[in-house]
Amino acid sequence: MVVCRLAIDRRAPHTYTQTHTSHNQAMNAIDLLMNHRSIRRFQSKPIEADKMERILNCGMRASNTGNMQIYSIILTQQPDNVAALSKLHFGQGSTAPAFLTVCVDVNRYHHWCRLRGCDEPYDNFLWLMSGTVDASLAAQNICVAAEAEGLGFCYLGTVMYNTRAIADLLQLPKGVVPVVTLCMGYPAEEASLSERLPLEGVVHQEHYHDYSDDDIDRVHRQREEFPFNQEMVRQNGTRNLTEIFTKIRYPKKDNVAISKALLEFVEQAGMMNNEEKS
């Protein structure tokens, strides 16, 4: 189901040769991506070790800055640890057999720098951003591979809400910041396909085209007319779908409080050293 199938080249360790990819395989990959559904209820069946290893190796093949791989993946599968991690995500993923927490990690790279007698220049905002991009790319590879293996998953944005507590639970050292959390397992539900904005609402040709009022109304019409979203508006008694987000799900006061706590954690993790040392 993967577009680019890789086979191990036995002539040298850890090298790979690309094999032929058929049109059907490419189409299968596109079908997989176009039919993604978030899974929130899972079977108790554990994920087989060989399957998890394949999925993680797919994550490792993701593009990254300078091939430096400024990220680490914490795999949590022990039931007590899964339960504790789920609690920090407000009960999300409570039935999942596995959590994967993908972190920006300059700790490992700086250790290598010290051993080789080199500077340690990656403890700043640039590398927090670069590591976040790299971690996100690895996470998405993991997700696509997981679905190809018959598993389901859900991204948990709450990693940003309880960052310090999650870091303490996972015993993350200075220089390591959790940025992506996935709960994963065999699906125990038939989830529906979520709506998305139309392509014209997201893609800009050649340069950014700012939106008129009519543009905003048009690109959000399908979302506002989606039955699930209309039911949310009815049940919550809000004026419209937008107010679900601005007043209930992600209100300003929560955004500011979480931002302050997250920034404080990032600074204490040593990732905001933005002045050149003499």
Foldseek 3Di string as FASTA:
>chain_A
DDQWDWDDDVVDPPDIDTDDGDPVNVVVLVVLVVQADAFFAADLDADDPVLLVVLLVLLLPFDAPPNPQQKDKDKDQDLVLQCVVCVLLVNTLNSFRIKIWMKRALPVVVVVCVVVVHDSPQQADVSRVRSLVSSVRSVVSSQSSQVVVQKHKHKRQSCLQRFVVVCVSSVPAQRITTGIMMGMHHHPDDGDDDDDFDPVLPDDPPDDDDDDPVRVCVRCVCVQPPVVQVVVCVVVVDPGSVCCCCPPVPHPVSVVVSVVVSVVVSVVSRRHPPDDDD
